[in-house]
Amino acid sequence: MVKARDTARAAGRRVSFTLSDTFCVERHHDDFRELASGGVDLLFANEAELKALHKTDDFDTAATAQRGACEISVVTRSEKGAVVLTKDDYIEVPAQLTGRIVDTTGAGDLFAAGFLAGIQDDRPLRDCAVLGTVAAGEVISHFGARPQTDLKALGQAVRHYYATTGKPVTYEYCLFSGVNDTVEDARNLARIASWAPCKVNLIMYNPVEGTDFRSSDEPTLDAFIGELVRRRVRVTVRRSRGQDIDAACGQLAGAENG
C-alpha cells in the first residue's frame, strides 16, 4: 500500500484509502493510523471504523480527532447520512433512500464511487457527499452491487424523447426541508434539466403525522426557484391545494425571452 501510494504521489496523483473493516483497523491499527494522519489525501470510513481508529466509543470524539488529519475524511453513518471532515469544514448530509432497504452489500463502495465522481468533476464537497449518498441509497434498494438506475441512460432517453416528439419533458420534484431544498440541490437539478427542453414542477411536501419530514419554508423555496430561474429552467410550483402556479413569473419571462 505504501509503495503504491508513493508511486501515485510521485506521478502527481491524489490518493484515497478506505479503512475497509473494523477487524482490519484493529489488527493493523498503527499502520492505518499513520495512513489516516496525512498518509493519504482522502480517507473513507464508516462510523464504527473511525471509532476503532481513534479507540473511542463516541463519534464526536473520533470526528474531532480525525478532522484535519488528512486533506479530506469522509465518514458514512448509515441512516444518519454522511459527514465530510476537513481542517476547516464539518459537512453533514442526510441519507438518500430511493426505496426500501433490501441488501446493504456494496453501499460503501458505491458511496465512494459517487463521492470520487464528484471530486473528479471538481464539485463542492457537499455535492460530492450527496452523490455518494444517492449512489449508496440506490444500491441498497435491491440485491447485488450493480446500480439499476443509470443516469447516463436516462439522459440519453430524455434527449431521444425530445428529438422524436418535439415535446418537452416534465420533472416532478418534491421538496423536503433540509433534505433536497438547498441552492446546491437546485444547481444539481438544473444540470439534469439541461439535458433537453423541459419544465420542472416543484411539489410542496404535505406533512404526514408520524414522520420527521417537513415542507420547505417560503424563503428556502424562493431561493431554490431563484437558482433554477437564473439557470433558465422553466418552473411551476404545486401546492397542497393542487393548484399549479407560475413561479416568479416575471423572472421567468425575462429568462425565457432573454
C-alpha atoms as a PDB file:
ATOM      1  CA  MET A   1       0.000   0.000   0.000  1.00  0.00           C
ATOM      2  CA  VAL A   2       2.729   2.470   0.939  1.00  0.00           C
ATOM      3  CA  LYS A   3       4.676   1.702  -2.237  1.00  0.00           C
ATOM      4  CA  ALA A   4       1.552   2.202  -4.357  1.00  0.00           C
ATOM      5  CA  ARG A   5       0.809   5.474  -2.571  1.00  0.00           C
ATOM      6  CA  ASP A   6       4.341   6.787  -3.059  1.00  0.00           C
ATOM      7  CA  THR A   7       4.261   5.848  -6.752  1.00  0.00           C
ATOM      8  CA  ALA A   8       0.938   7.643  -7.227  1.00  0.00           C
ATOM      9  CA  ARG A   9       2.113  10.761  -5.428  1.00  0.00           C
ATOM     10  CA  ALA A  10       5.353  10.801  -7.390  1.00  0.00           C
ATOM     11  CA  ALA A  11       3.192  10.950 -10.509  1.00  0.00           C
ATOM     12  CA  GLY A  12       1.279  13.920  -9.091  1.00  0.00           C
ATOM     13  CA  ARG A  13      -1.832  11.917  -8.170  1.00  0.00           C
ATOM     14  CA  ARG A  14      -4.002  12.185  -5.085  1.00  0.00           C
ATOM     15  CA  VAL A  15      -4.511   9.012  -3.080  1.00  0.00           C
ATOM     16  CA  SER A  16      -7.711   7.759  -1.456  1.00  0.00           C
ATOM     17  CA  PHE A  17      -7.963   4.923   1.041  1.00  0.00           C
ATOM     18  CA  THR A  18     -10.783   3.133   2.856  1.00  0.00           C
ATOM     19  CA  LEU A  19     -10.468   1.610   6.319  1.00  0.00           C
ATOM     20  CA  SER A  20     -12.450  -1.384   4.993  1.00  0.00           C
ATOM     21  CA  ASP A  21     -13.472  -3.114   8.231  1.00  0.00           C
ATOM     22  CA  THR A  22     -13.146  -2.729  11.995  1.00  0.00           C
ATOM     23  CA  PHE A  23     -11.248  -6.033  12.129  1.00  0.00           C
ATOM     24  CA  CYS A  24      -8.652  -4.632   9.719  1.00  0.00           C
ATOM     25  CA  VAL A  25      -8.415  -1.395  11.702  1.00  0.00           C
ATOM     26  CA  GLU A  26      -7.873  -3.209  14.980  1.00  0.00           C
ATOM     27  CA  ARG A  27      -5.379  -5.711  13.531  1.00  0.00           C
ATOM     28  CA  HIS A  28      -3.298  -3.102  11.666  1.00  0.00           C
ATOM     29  CA  HIS A  29      -4.096  -0.153  13.902  1.00  0.00           C
ATOM     30  CA  ASP A  30      -0.745   1.635  13.886  1.00  0.00           C
ATOM     31  CA  ASP A  31      -0.307   1.345  10.109  1.00  0.00           C
ATOM     32  CA  PHE A  32      -3.861   2.523   9.455  1.00  0.00           C
ATOM     33  CA  ARG A  33      -3.470   5.394  11.909  1.00  0.00           C
ATOM     34  CA  GLU A  34      -0.365   6.545  10.048  1.00  0.00           C
ATOM     35  CA  LEU A  35      -2.184   6.435   6.711  1.00  0.00           C
ATOM     36  CA  ALA A  36      -5.155   8.323   8.169  1.00  0.00           C
ATOM     37  CA  SER A  37      -2.848  11.019   9.553  1.00  0.00           C
ATOM     38  CA  GLY A  38      -1.730  12.512   6.267  1.00  0.00           C
ATOM     39  CA  GLY A  39      -0.513   9.312   4.681  1.00  0.00           C
ATOM     40  CA  VAL A  40      -3.334   9.591   2.140  1.00  0.00           C
ATOM     41  CA  ASP A  41      -5.205  12.561   0.709  1.00  0.00           C
ATOM     42  CA  LEU A  42      -8.748  11.253   1.036  1.00  0.00           C
ATOM     43  CA  LEU A  43      -9.907   8.800   3.701  1.00  0.00           C
ATOM     44  CA  PHE A  44     -13.170   6.824   3.625  1.00  0.00           C
ATOM     45  CA  ALA A  45     -14.539   5.136   6.747  1.00  0.00           C
ATOM     46  CA  ASN A  46     -17.809   4.207   8.348  1.00  0.00           C
ATOM     47  CA  GLU A  47     -18.671   5.317  11.865  1.00  0.00           C
ATOM     48  CA  ALA A  48     -17.569   2.072  13.554  1.00  0.00           C
ATOM     49  CA  GLU A  49     -14.242   2.069  11.717  1.00  0.00           C
ATOM     50  CA  LEU A  50     -13.486   5.667  12.669  1.00  0.00           C
ATOM     51  CA  LYS A  51     -14.241   4.944  16.320  1.00  0.00           C
ATOM     52  CA  ALA A  52     -11.946   1.907  16.195  1.00  0.00           C
ATOM     53  CA  LEU A  53      -9.208   4.002  14.585  1.00  0.00           C
ATOM     54  CA  HIS A  54      -9.285   6.536  17.411  1.00  0.00           C
ATOM     55  CA  LYS A  55     -10.113   3.982  20.132  1.00  0.00           C
ATOM     56  CA  THR A  56     -13.283   5.628  21.369  1.00  0.00           C
ATOM     57  CA  ASP A  57     -16.977   4.789  21.593  1.00  0.00           C
ATOM     58  CA  ASP A  58     -18.009   8.394  20.930  1.00  0.00           C
ATOM     59  CA  PHE A  59     -18.430   9.548  17.340  1.00  0.00           C
ATOM     60  CA  ASP A  60     -17.907  13.247  18.063  1.00  0.00           C
ATOM     61  CA  THR A  61     -14.611  12.478  19.776  1.00  0.00           C
ATOM     62  CA  ALA A  62     -13.460  10.389  16.814  1.00  0.00           C
ATOM     63  CA  ALA A  63     -14.561  13.026  14.308  1.00  0.00           C
ATOM     64  CA  THR A  64     -12.751  15.772  16.201  1.00  0.00           C
ATOM     65  CA  ALA A  65      -9.571  13.673  16.295  1.00  0.00           C
ATOM     66  CA  GLN A  66      -9.754  12.953  12.564  1.00  0.00           C
ATOM     67  CA  ARG A  67     -10.652  16.468  11.442  1.00  0.00           C
ATOM     68  CA  GLY A  68      -7.674  17.903   9.590  1.00  0.00           C
ATOM     69  CA  ALA A  69      -5.640  14.713   9.920  1.00  0.00           C
ATOM     70  CA  CYS A  70      -5.655  14.396   6.147  1.00  0.00           C
ATOM     71  CA  GLU A  71      -6.968  16.648   3.383  1.00  0.00           C
ATOM     72  CA  ILE A  72     -10.462  15.107   3.298  1.00  0.00           C
ATOM     73  CA  SER A  73     -12.013  12.475   5.566  1.00  0.00           C
ATOM     74  CA  VAL A  74     -15.460  11.102   4.714  1.00  0.00           C
ATOM     75  CA  VAL A  75     -17.480   9.096   7.239  1.00  0.00           C
ATOM     76  CA  THR A  76     -20.666   7.203   6.399  1.00  0.00           C
ATOM     77  CA  ARG A  77     -23.207   6.817   9.209  1.00  0.00           C
ATOM     78  CA  SER A  78     -25.914   4.507   7.816  1.00  0.00           C
ATOM     79  CA  GLU A  79     -29.364   6.098   8.240  1.00  0.00           C
ATOM     80  CA  LYS A  80     -27.717   9.273   9.601  1.00  0.00           C
ATOM     81  CA  GLY A  81     -26.135  10.017   6.229  1.00  0.00           C
ATOM     82  CA  ALA A  82     -22.512  11.071   5.935  1.00  0.00           C
ATOM     83  CA  VAL A  83     -20.032  13.594   7.312  1.00  0.00           C
ATOM     84  CA  VAL A  84     -17.166  15.256   5.431  1.00  0.00           C
ATOM     85  CA  LEU A  85     -14.260  16.451   7.568  1.00  0.00           C
ATOM     86  CA  THR A  86     -11.518  18.865   6.590  1.00  0.00           C
ATOM     87  CA  LYS A  87      -9.329  21.213   8.598  1.00  0.00           C
ATOM     88  CA  ASP A  88     -11.903  23.989   8.182  1.00  0.00           C
ATOM     89  CA  ASP A  89     -15.197  22.207   7.460  1.00  0.00           C
ATOM     90  CA  TYR A  90     -17.646  19.809   9.084  1.00  0.00           C
ATOM     91  CA  ILE A  91     -20.274  18.992   6.450  1.00  0.00           C
ATOM     92  CA  GLU A  92     -23.272  16.769   7.172  1.00  0.00           C
ATOM     93  CA  VAL A  93     -25.589  15.371   4.500  1.00  0.00           C
ATOM     94  CA  PRO A  94     -28.655  13.186   5.074  1.00  0.00           C
ATOM     95  CA  ALA A  95     -29.112   9.663   3.764  1.00  0.00           C
ATOM     96  CA  GLN A  96     -30.833   9.427   0.379  1.00  0.00           C
ATOM     97  CA  LEU A  97     -33.107   6.398   0.178  1.00  0.00           C
ATOM     98  CA  THR A  98     -34.676   5.615  -3.207  1.00  0.00           C
ATOM     99  CA  GLY A  99     -36.805   2.737  -1.916  1.00  0.00           C
ATOM    100  CA  ARG A 100     -36.977   0.174   0.860  1.00  0.00           C
ATOM    101  CA  ILE A 101     -33.728  -1.320   2.155  1.00  0.00           C
ATOM    102  CA  VAL A 102     -33.179  -4.766   0.622  1.00  0.00           C
ATOM    103  CA  ASP A 103     -29.434  -5.505   0.726  1.00  0.00           C
ATOM    104  CA  THR A 104     -26.672  -3.242   2.073  1.00  0.00           C
ATOM    105  CA  THR A 105     -23.905  -5.079   0.188  1.00  0.00           C
ATOM    106  CA  GLY A 106     -21.853  -2.583  -1.811  1.00  0.00           C
ATOM    107  CA  ALA A 107     -23.224   0.546  -0.130  1.00  0.00           C
ATOM    108  CA  GLY A 108     -19.802   1.750   0.995  1.00  0.00           C
ATOM    109  CA  ASP A 109     -18.233   1.078  -2.392  1.00  0.00           C
ATOM    110  CA  LEU A 110     -20.999   2.899  -4.237  1.00  0.00           C
ATOM    111  CA  PHE A 111     -20.798   5.814  -1.807  1.00  0.00           C
ATOM    112  CA  ALA A 112     -17.069   6.145  -2.503  1.00  0.00           C
ATOM    113  CA  ALA A 113     -17.694   5.889  -6.248  1.00  0.00           C
ATOM    114  CA  GLY A 114     -20.260   8.686  -6.154  1.00  0.00           C
ATOM    115  CA  PHE A 115     -18.058  10.885  -3.967  1.00  0.00           C
ATOM    116  CA  LEU A 116     -14.996  10.387  -6.164  1.00  0.00           C
ATOM    117  CA  ALA A 117     -17.042  11.127  -9.284  1.00  0.00           C
ATOM    118  CA  GLY A 118     -17.865  14.486  -7.727  1.00  0.00           C
ATOM    119  CA  ILE A 119     -14.202  15.085  -6.864  1.00  0.00           C
ATOM    120  CA  GLN A 120     -13.249  14.286 -10.463  1.00  0.00           C
ATOM    121  CA  ASP A 121     -15.762  16.880 -11.678  1.00  0.00           C
ATOM    122  CA  ASP A 122     -14.337  19.426  -9.196  1.00  0.00           C
ATOM    123  CA  ARG A 123     -17.677  19.764  -7.394  1.00  0.00           C
ATOM    124  CA  PRO A 124     -18.085  21.226  -3.894  1.00  0.00           C
ATOM    125  CA  LEU A 125     -17.575  18.695  -1.119  1.00  0.00           C
ATOM    126  CA  ARG A 126     -21.263  18.802  -0.130  1.00  0.00           C
ATOM    127  CA  ASP A 127     -22.238  17.917  -3.707  1.00  0.00           C
ATOM    128  CA  CYS A 128     -19.733  15.053  -3.668  1.00  0.00           C
ATOM    129  CA  ALA A 129     -21.283  13.692  -0.480  1.00  0.00           C
ATOM    130  CA  VAL A 130     -24.790  13.965  -1.923  1.00  0.00           C
ATOM    131  CA  LEU A 131     -23.684  11.991  -4.984  1.00  0.00           C
ATOM    132  CA  GLY A 132     -22.260   9.372  -2.663  1.00  0.00           C
ATOM    133  CA  THR A 133     -25.432   9.073  -0.577  1.00  0.00           C
ATOM    134  CA  VAL A 134     -27.606   8.888  -3.698  1.00  0.00           C
ATOM    135  CA  ALA A 135     -25.451   6.086  -5.139  1.00  0.00           C
ATOM    136  CA  ALA A 136     -25.462   4.208  -1.834  1.00  0.00           C
ATOM    137  CA  GLY A 137     -29.203   4.739  -1.398  1.00  0.00           C
ATOM    138  CA  GLU A 138     -29.868   3.265  -4.819  1.00  0.00           C
ATOM    139  CA  VAL A 139     -27.723   0.160  -4.395  1.00  0.00           C
ATOM    140  CA  ILE A 140     -29.283  -0.885  -1.078  1.00  0.00           C
ATOM    141  CA  SER A 141     -32.761  -0.902  -2.648  1.00  0.00           C
ATOM    142  CA  HIS A 142     -32.121  -4.197  -4.474  1.00  0.00           C
ATOM    143  CA  PHE A 143     -29.952  -7.321  -4.384  1.00  0.00           C
ATOM    144  CA  GLY A 144     -26.482  -7.063  -5.900  1.00  0.00           C
ATOM    145  CA  ALA A 145     -23.997  -4.207  -6.031  1.00  0.00           C
ATOM    146  CA  ARG A 146     -24.612  -3.113  -9.630  1.00  0.00           C
ATOM    147  CA  PRO A 147     -26.752   0.065  -9.799  1.00  0.00           C
ATOM    148  CA  GLN A 148     -30.080  -0.392 -11.564  1.00  0.00           C
ATOM    149  CA  THR A 149     -30.614   3.330 -12.173  1.00  0.00           C
ATOM    150  CA  ASP A 150     -28.342   4.594 -14.955  1.00  0.00           C
ATOM    151  CA  LEU A 151     -28.379   8.409 -15.158  1.00  0.00           C
ATOM    152  CA  LYS A 152     -26.397   8.341 -18.396  1.00  0.00           C
ATOM    153  CA  ALA A 153     -29.022   6.101 -19.990  1.00  0.00           C
ATOM    154  CA  LEU A 154     -31.768   8.305 -18.554  1.00  0.00           C
ATOM    155  CA  GLY A 155     -30.155  11.364 -20.129  1.00  0.00           C
ATOM    156  CA  GLN A 156     -29.978   9.623 -23.499  1.00  0.00           C
ATOM    157  CA  ALA A 157     -33.636   8.612 -23.195  1.00  0.00           C
ATOM    158  CA  VAL A 158     -34.693  12.176 -22.391  1.00  0.00           C
ATOM    159  CA  ARG A 159     -32.807  13.574 -25.377  1.00  0.00           C
ATOM    160  CA  HIS A 160     -34.228  10.858 -27.663  1.00  0.00           C
ATOM    161  CA  TYR A 161     -37.777  11.549 -26.462  1.00  0.00           C
ATOM    162  CA  TYR A 162     -37.479  15.253 -27.234  1.00  0.00           C
ATOM    163  CA  ALA A 163     -35.763  14.650 -30.579  1.00  0.00           C
ATOM    164  CA  THR A 164     -38.530  12.291 -31.761  1.00  0.00           C
ATOM    165  CA  THR A 165     -41.594  14.019 -30.287  1.00  0.00           C
ATOM    166  CA  GLY A 166     -40.591  17.662 -30.016  1.00  0.00           C
ATOM    167  CA  LYS A 167     -42.307  17.705 -26.622  1.00  0.00           C
ATOM    168  CA  PRO A 168     -40.545  18.978 -23.506  1.00  0.00           C
ATOM    169  CA  VAL A 169     -40.070  16.674 -20.536  1.00  0.00           C
ATOM    170  CA  THR A 170     -41.671  17.396 -17.167  1.00  0.00           C
ATOM    171  CA  TYR A 171     -39.731  16.627 -13.994  1.00  0.00           C
ATOM    172  CA  GLU A 172     -41.683  16.256 -10.737  1.00  0.00           C
ATOM    173  CA  TYR A 173     -39.533  17.302  -7.774  1.00  0.00           C
ATOM    174  CA  CYS A 174     -40.884  17.065  -4.216  1.00  0.00           C
ATOM    175  CA  LEU A 175     -39.164  19.412  -1.776  1.00  0.00           C
ATOM    176  CA  PHE A 176     -38.312  18.207   1.736  1.00  0.00           C
ATOM    177  CA  SER A 177     -36.916  20.648   4.280  1.00  0.00           C
ATOM    178  CA  GLY A 178     -33.247  20.002   4.949  1.00  0.00           C
ATOM    179  CA  VAL A 179     -33.119  17.072   2.549  1.00  0.00           C
ATOM    180  CA  ASN A 180     -33.147  18.320  -1.047  1.00  0.00           C
ATOM    181  CA  ASP A 181     -34.056  22.004  -0.952  1.00  0.00           C
ATOM    182  CA  THR A 182     -30.736  23.867  -0.890  1.00  0.00           C
ATOM    183  CA  VAL A 183     -29.394  26.133  -3.618  1.00  0.00           C
ATOM    184  CA  GLU A 184     -26.790  23.454  -4.364  1.00  0.00           C
ATOM    185  CA  ASP A 185     -29.621  20.930  -4.850  1.00  0.00           C
ATOM    186  CA  ALA A 186     -31.215  23.374  -7.284  1.00  0.00           C
ATOM    187  CA  ARG A 187     -27.962  23.576  -9.241  1.00  0.00           C
ATOM    188  CA  ASN A 188     -27.819  19.774  -9.484  1.00  0.00           C
ATOM    189  CA  LEU A 189     -31.436  19.694 -10.668  1.00  0.00           C
ATOM    190  CA  ALA A 190     -30.644  22.372 -13.246  1.00  0.00           C
ATOM    191  CA  ARG A 191     -27.860  20.190 -14.657  1.00  0.00           C
ATOM    192  CA  ILE A 192     -30.367  17.392 -15.253  1.00  0.00           C
ATOM    193  CA  ALA A 193     -32.855  19.876 -16.677  1.00  0.00           C
ATOM    194  CA  SER A 194     -30.233  20.998 -19.209  1.00  0.00           C
ATOM    195  CA  TRP A 195     -30.382  17.634 -20.998  1.00  0.00           C
ATOM    196  CA  ALA A 196     -33.354  18.753 -23.112  1.00  0.00           C
ATOM    197  CA  PRO A 197     -36.109  21.402 -23.074  1.00  0.00           C
ATOM    198  CA  CYS A 198     -38.264  20.728 -20.038  1.00  0.00           C
ATOM    199  CA  LYS A 199     -40.410  22.015 -17.219  1.00  0.00           C
ATOM    200  CA  VAL A 200     -39.694  21.396 -13.536  1.00  0.00           C
ATOM    201  CA  ASN A 201     -42.779  21.048 -11.366  1.00  0.00           C
ATOM    202  CA  LEU A 202     -41.842  21.676  -7.737  1.00  0.00           C
ATOM    203  CA  ILE A 203     -44.152  19.871  -5.319  1.00  0.00           C
ATOM    204  CA  MET A 204     -44.526  21.203  -1.805  1.00  0.00           C
ATOM    205  CA  TYR A 205     -44.472  18.261   0.602  1.00  0.00           C
ATOM    206  CA  ASN A 206     -47.652  17.893   2.633  1.00  0.00           C
ATOM    207  CA  PRO A 207     -46.505  16.809   6.135  1.00  0.00           C
ATOM    208  CA  VAL A 208     -47.815  13.481   7.388  1.00  0.00           C
ATOM    209  CA  GLU A 209     -48.239  12.734  11.071  1.00  0.00           C
ATOM    210  CA  GLY A 210     -45.736  10.204  12.367  1.00  0.00           C
ATOM    211  CA  THR A 211     -42.837  11.204  10.101  1.00  0.00           C
ATOM    212  CA  ASP A 212     -39.969  13.645  10.603  1.00  0.00           C
ATOM    213  CA  PHE A 213     -40.199  15.142   7.117  1.00  0.00           C
ATOM    214  CA  ARG A 214     -41.242  18.770   6.830  1.00  0.00           C
ATOM    215  CA  SER A 215     -42.113  21.032   3.915  1.00  0.00           C
ATOM    216  CA  SER A 216     -39.657  23.739   2.873  1.00  0.00           C
ATOM    217  CA  ASP A 217     -40.361  27.261   4.108  1.00  0.00           C
ATOM    218  CA  GLU A 218     -41.039  30.155   1.749  1.00  0.00           C
ATOM    219  CA  PRO A 219     -37.552  31.765   1.862  1.00  0.00           C
ATOM    220  CA  THR A 220     -35.970  28.390   1.035  1.00  0.00           C
ATOM    221  CA  LEU A 221     -38.469  27.837  -1.770  1.00  0.00           C
ATOM    222  CA  ASP A 222     -37.801  31.307  -3.178  1.00  0.00           C
ATOM    223  CA  ALA A 223     -34.033  30.716  -3.140  1.00  0.00           C
ATOM    224  CA  PHE A 224     -34.476  27.316  -4.824  1.00  0.00           C
ATOM    225  CA  ILE A 225     -36.701  28.808  -7.530  1.00  0.00           C
ATOM    226  CA  GLY A 226     -34.365  31.754  -7.996  1.00  0.00           C
ATOM    227  CA  GLU A 227     -31.408  29.467  -8.689  1.00  0.00           C
ATOM    228  CA  LEU A 228     -33.386  27.471 -11.262  1.00  0.00           C
ATOM    229  CA  VAL A 229     -34.597  30.652 -12.937  1.00  0.00           C
ATOM    230  CA  ARG A 230     -31.067  32.030 -13.104  1.00  0.00           C
ATOM    231  CA  ARG A 231     -30.122  28.863 -14.936  1.00  0.00           C
ATOM    232  CA  ARG A 232     -33.017  29.328 -17.392  1.00  0.00           C
ATOM    233  CA  VAL A 233     -35.136  26.454 -16.104  1.00  0.00           C
ATOM    234  CA  ARG A 234     -38.906  26.777 -16.514  1.00  0.00           C
ATOM    235  CA  VAL A 235     -40.540  26.248 -13.126  1.00  0.00           C
ATOM    236  CA  THR A 236     -44.015  25.786 -11.695  1.00  0.00           C
ATOM    237  CA  VAL A 237     -44.985  25.136  -8.087  1.00  0.00           C
ATOM    238  CA  ARG A 238     -47.680  22.697  -6.982  1.00  0.00           C
ATOM    239  CA  ARG A 239     -49.016  23.416  -3.541  1.00  0.00           C
ATOM    240  CA  SER A 240     -51.102  21.197  -1.317  1.00  0.00           C
ATOM    241  CA  ARG A 241     -54.357  22.542  -2.754  1.00  0.00           C
ATOM    242  CA  GLY A 242     -53.370  21.038  -6.099  1.00  0.00           C
ATOM    243  CA  GLN A 243     -53.009  24.352  -7.885  1.00  0.00           C
ATOM    244  CA  ASP A 244     -50.143  24.900 -10.289  1.00  0.00           C
ATOM    245  CA  ILE A 245     -48.836  28.446 -10.395  1.00  0.00           C
ATOM    246  CA  ASP A 246     -46.034  30.018 -12.358  1.00  0.00           C
ATOM    247  CA  ALA A 247     -43.055  30.532 -10.103  1.00  0.00           C
ATOM    248  CA  ALA A 248     -41.526  34.006 -10.207  1.00  0.00           C
ATOM    249  CA  CYS A 249     -43.336  34.558 -13.492  1.00  0.00           C
ATOM    250  CA  GLY A 250     -41.799  37.954 -14.134  1.00  0.00           C
ATOM    251  CA  GLN A 251     -38.311  36.483 -13.764  1.00  0.00           C
ATOM    252  CA  LEU A 252     -39.272  33.523 -15.892  1.00  0.00           C
ATOM    253  CA  ALA A 253     -40.495  35.773 -18.675  1.00  0.00           C
ATOM    254  CA  GLY A 254     -37.217  37.606 -18.570  1.00  0.00           C
ATOM    255  CA  ALA A 255     -35.229  34.389 -18.537  1.00  0.00           C
ATOM    256  CA  GLU A 256     -37.186  32.817 -21.382  1.00  0.00           C
ATOM    257  CA  ASN A 257     -37.199  35.952 -23.506  1.00  0.00           C
ATOM    258  CA  GLY A 258     -33.620  36.913 -22.687  1.00  0.00           C
END
